[in-house]
Each structure stands twice: as structure tokens, then as C-alpha cells.
Amino acid sequence: MTKILFDQGYILSYKFEEDTAQGNIKIALKYDKFTKAPVIKKLQRVSKPGLRKYTGSGEMPRVLNGLGVAIVSTSHGVMTSKQAKQENVGGEVLCYVY
């Protein structure tokens, strides 16, 4: 997910640290140059352990009429909903980012 957020321009950088047994991810958040507001307005979790949400390739969600990103876990890996639609593959909707 961090690679997708980086590629879409929502975060500045990320780094995986193996200093503990579990490991950590350090993420540098991105802010608007002029307003100093964070680029990520909301990160909404969609699929939960108690209620999974799956979609087919034809019903991929559009977030804020195309301004946001839906992150989907597919059999081809974790990708955005646009990429999943292009590859004609469905999967579990993890979250919306806008």
C-alpha cells in the first residue's frame, strides 16, 4: 500500500526498518506548499475483518468522482481500482484515499 500511495503522490517517501522483530514502516507525509494542509484528506477503511467487501472488475468504485484512489487487493497483488479495471480483475476493496 505504501508504494501505491507514493506512486499516486500522497506521501513523500517511505522506509522499511527491520530494527525490531516485527519491523516498522516510516512514512513522510506530504503537505501542500501554499496552504500547509495535508495531501491526504481522508483514509477510509472499507473492508473489515467482520465484513469483507469484494467487487468485480466491472463494479470497481470511483472515489470522489475520480479524484481519489481506491486500493484493491487482487489475485495479481495490491493495486488501485483503475489498474484492476484495466487488468480486468476483481478483488477486495481495502480502503479509499482522498
Protein backbone atom coordinates (compact mmCIF):
# COMPACT_ATOMS: atom_id res chain seq x y z
CA MET A 1 0.00 0.00 0.00
CA THR A 2 2.84 2.40 0.71
CA LYS A 3 4.17 2.01 -2.83
CA ILE A 4 0.73 2.84 -4.24
CA LEU A 5 0.41 5.92 -2.02
CA PHE A 6 3.90 7.02 -3.08
CA ASP A 7 3.20 6.44 -6.79
CA GLN A 8 -0.09 8.35 -6.58
CA GLY A 9 1.62 11.32 -4.89
CA TYR A 10 0.01 11.11 -1.45
CA ILE A 11 3.25 10.63 0.53
CA LEU A 12 6.79 11.97 0.11
CA SER A 13 8.73 8.83 0.99
CA TYR A 14 8.65 5.60 2.95
CA LYS A 15 11.25 3.34 4.50
CA PHE A 16 11.05 -0.17 5.94
CA GLU A 17 13.05 -0.65 9.14
CA GLU A 18 13.98 -4.08 10.45
CA ASP A 19 15.17 -2.96 13.89
CA THR A 20 12.52 -4.95 15.78
CA ALA A 21 11.16 -8.45 15.36
CA GLN A 22 8.01 -7.11 13.71
CA GLY A 23 9.61 -4.26 11.77
CA ASN A 24 8.41 -0.70 11.21
CA ILE A 25 7.44 1.48 8.28
CA LYS A 26 8.42 5.15 8.41
CA ILE A 27 6.28 7.35 6.17
CA ALA A 28 6.95 11.02 5.40
CA LEU A 29 3.59 12.67 4.80
CA LYS A 30 3.15 15.19 2.02
CA TYR A 31 1.75 18.69 2.60
CA ASP A 32 0.52 21.39 0.22
CA LYS A 33 3.20 24.04 -0.37
CA PHE A 34 0.88 27.02 -0.08
CA THR A 35 -1.81 26.09 2.44
CA LYS A 36 0.32 23.68 4.52
CA ALA A 37 -2.67 21.31 4.54
CA PRO A 38 -2.06 17.56 4.36
CA VAL A 39 -2.48 15.98 0.92
CA ILE A 40 -4.38 13.02 2.40
CA LYS A 41 -7.71 14.44 3.50
CA LYS A 42 -9.20 11.11 4.50
CA LEU A 43 -8.17 7.47 4.50
CA GLN A 44 -11.31 5.38 4.89
CA ARG A 45 -11.09 1.67 5.63
CA VAL A 46 -13.69 -0.23 3.60
CA SER A 47 -13.14 -3.95 4.08
CA LYS A 48 -13.04 -5.02 7.72
CA PRO A 49 -12.38 -8.39 9.35
CA GLY A 50 -16.07 -8.74 10.20
CA LEU A 51 -17.36 -7.55 6.84
CA ARG A 52 -15.27 -8.01 3.71
CA LYS A 53 -16.19 -6.06 0.58
CA TYR A 54 -15.42 -7.64 -2.77
CA THR A 55 -16.03 -6.16 -6.21
CA GLY A 56 -15.76 -7.46 -9.73
CA SER A 57 -13.77 -5.73 -12.43
CA GLY A 58 -16.90 -4.08 -13.81
CA GLU A 59 -18.04 -2.60 -10.49
CA MET A 60 -14.79 -1.02 -9.33
CA PRO A 61 -15.53 2.00 -7.11
CA ARG A 62 -14.73 5.58 -8.11
CA VAL A 63 -13.66 7.75 -5.21
CA LEU A 64 -14.77 11.40 -5.30
CA ASN A 65 -15.68 11.07 -8.97
CA GLY A 66 -12.15 10.04 -9.92
CA LEU A 67 -10.21 12.46 -7.68
CA GLY A 68 -9.42 9.84 -5.04
CA VAL A 69 -7.98 6.34 -5.13
CA ALA A 70 -9.46 3.01 -4.09
CA ILE A 71 -6.86 0.41 -3.11
CA VAL A 72 -7.82 -3.15 -4.02
CA SER A 73 -6.25 -6.48 -3.11
CA THR A 74 -6.45 -8.80 -6.11
CA SER A 75 -5.01 -12.14 -7.15
CA HIS A 76 -2.41 -10.11 -9.09
CA GLY A 77 -1.37 -8.16 -5.99
CA VAL A 78 -2.39 -4.90 -4.33
CA MET A 79 -3.25 -2.16 -6.83
CA THR A 80 -5.52 0.79 -7.46
CA SER A 81 -9.04 0.29 -8.75
CA LYS A 82 -8.05 1.83 -12.11
CA GLN A 83 -5.25 -0.69 -12.56
CA ALA A 84 -7.56 -3.55 -11.54
CA LYS A 85 -10.16 -2.43 -14.07
CA GLN A 86 -7.51 -2.24 -16.82
CA GLU A 87 -6.29 -5.75 -15.99
CA ASN A 88 -9.92 -6.95 -15.83
CA VAL A 89 -9.56 -8.42 -12.35
CA GLY A 90 -11.71 -8.02 -9.23
CA GLY A 91 -10.82 -8.24 -5.58
CA GLU A 92 -11.24 -6.98 -2.04
CA VAL A 93 -11.56 -3.21 -1.60
CA LEU A 94 -9.19 -2.29 1.23
CA CYS A 95 -9.56 1.48 1.54
CA TYR A 96 -10.37 4.81 -0.09
CA VAL A 97 -7.80 7.62 -0.09
CA TYR A 98 -8.61 11.23 -0.94
